Amino acid sequence: MEKKPLSNKESKETLHNKVEKLKLKLTGDMMKDMEIRDQIHNLEMKINGTKPMDSHIDCEGCGS
């Protein structure tokens, strides 16, 4: 994964708070949790400043 700087719009703290709120919504049912887990994954990629390897353009699926 390549590093990408976090935008000024959202601070890491704000993104961490969003992740924690989403984690509280998890039910343990993989099918029901799939969308929530995808949102968590996307936020964590923003927090870590990562995007898929060999990606010369931003990821269309997650916006990273």
Protein backbone atom coordinates (compact mmCIF):
# COMPACT_ATOMS: atom_id res chain seq x y z
CA MET A 1 0.00 0.00 0.00
CA GLU A 2 1.17 3.50 -0.76
CA LYS A 3 0.90 6.36 1.72
CA LYS A 4 -1.37 9.27 0.87
CA PRO A 5 -1.62 12.36 3.09
CA LEU A 6 -4.83 12.88 5.06
CA SER A 7 -6.89 15.74 3.70
CA ASN A 8 -7.38 18.83 5.84
CA LYS A 9 -11.15 18.33 5.80
CA GLU A 10 -11.19 15.65 8.46
CA SER A 11 -8.72 15.19 11.27
CA LYS A 12 -7.51 11.76 12.34
CA GLU A 13 -9.41 12.19 15.59
CA THR A 14 -12.68 12.81 13.72
CA LEU A 15 -12.10 9.76 11.55
CA HIS A 16 -11.23 7.60 14.59
CA ASN A 17 -14.48 8.72 16.24
CA LYS A 18 -16.45 7.72 13.14
CA VAL A 19 -14.77 4.30 13.13
CA GLU A 20 -15.62 3.75 16.80
CA LYS A 21 -19.28 4.69 16.21
CA LEU A 22 -19.47 2.30 13.27
CA LYS A 23 -17.88 -0.52 15.29
CA LEU A 24 -20.70 -0.15 17.85
CA LYS A 25 -23.19 -0.91 15.06
CA LEU A 26 -21.63 -4.29 14.22
CA THR A 27 -23.98 -7.20 14.89
CA GLY A 28 -21.68 -10.18 14.35
CA ASP A 29 -23.68 -11.22 11.27
CA MET A 30 -21.24 -11.06 8.35
CA MET A 31 -23.91 -10.29 5.76
CA LYS A 32 -25.51 -7.51 7.81
CA ASP A 33 -22.14 -6.07 8.81
CA MET A 34 -20.61 -6.04 5.31
CA GLU A 35 -21.53 -2.42 4.50
CA ILE A 36 -20.45 -1.19 7.94
CA ARG A 37 -17.14 -3.06 7.67
CA ASP A 38 -16.58 -1.51 4.24
CA GLN A 39 -17.14 1.97 5.71
CA ILE A 40 -14.73 1.18 8.54
CA HIS A 41 -12.13 -0.07 6.05
CA ASN A 42 -12.44 3.09 3.95
CA LEU A 43 -12.03 5.34 7.00
CA GLU A 44 -9.03 3.35 8.23
CA MET A 45 -7.39 3.72 4.82
CA LYS A 46 -7.88 7.49 5.07
CA ILE A 47 -6.48 7.52 8.61
CA ASN A 48 -3.42 5.53 7.55
CA GLY A 49 -3.02 7.43 4.30
CA THR A 50 -2.94 4.27 2.22
CA LYS A 51 -4.24 3.35 -1.20
CA PRO A 52 -3.89 0.18 -3.28
CA MET A 53 -0.39 -0.62 -4.58
CA ASP A 54 0.37 0.23 -8.20
CA SER A 55 -2.49 2.70 -8.17
CA HIS A 56 -1.50 5.78 -10.14
CA ILE A 57 -4.97 7.22 -9.68
CA ASP A 58 -7.16 7.37 -6.61
CA CYS A 59 -9.19 4.28 -5.81
CA GLU A 60 -12.66 4.63 -7.32
CA GLY A 61 -14.22 2.17 -4.90
CA CYS A 62 -13.19 3.82 -1.65
CA GLY A 63 -11.86 7.25 -2.59
CA SER A 64 -8.48 6.60 -0.96
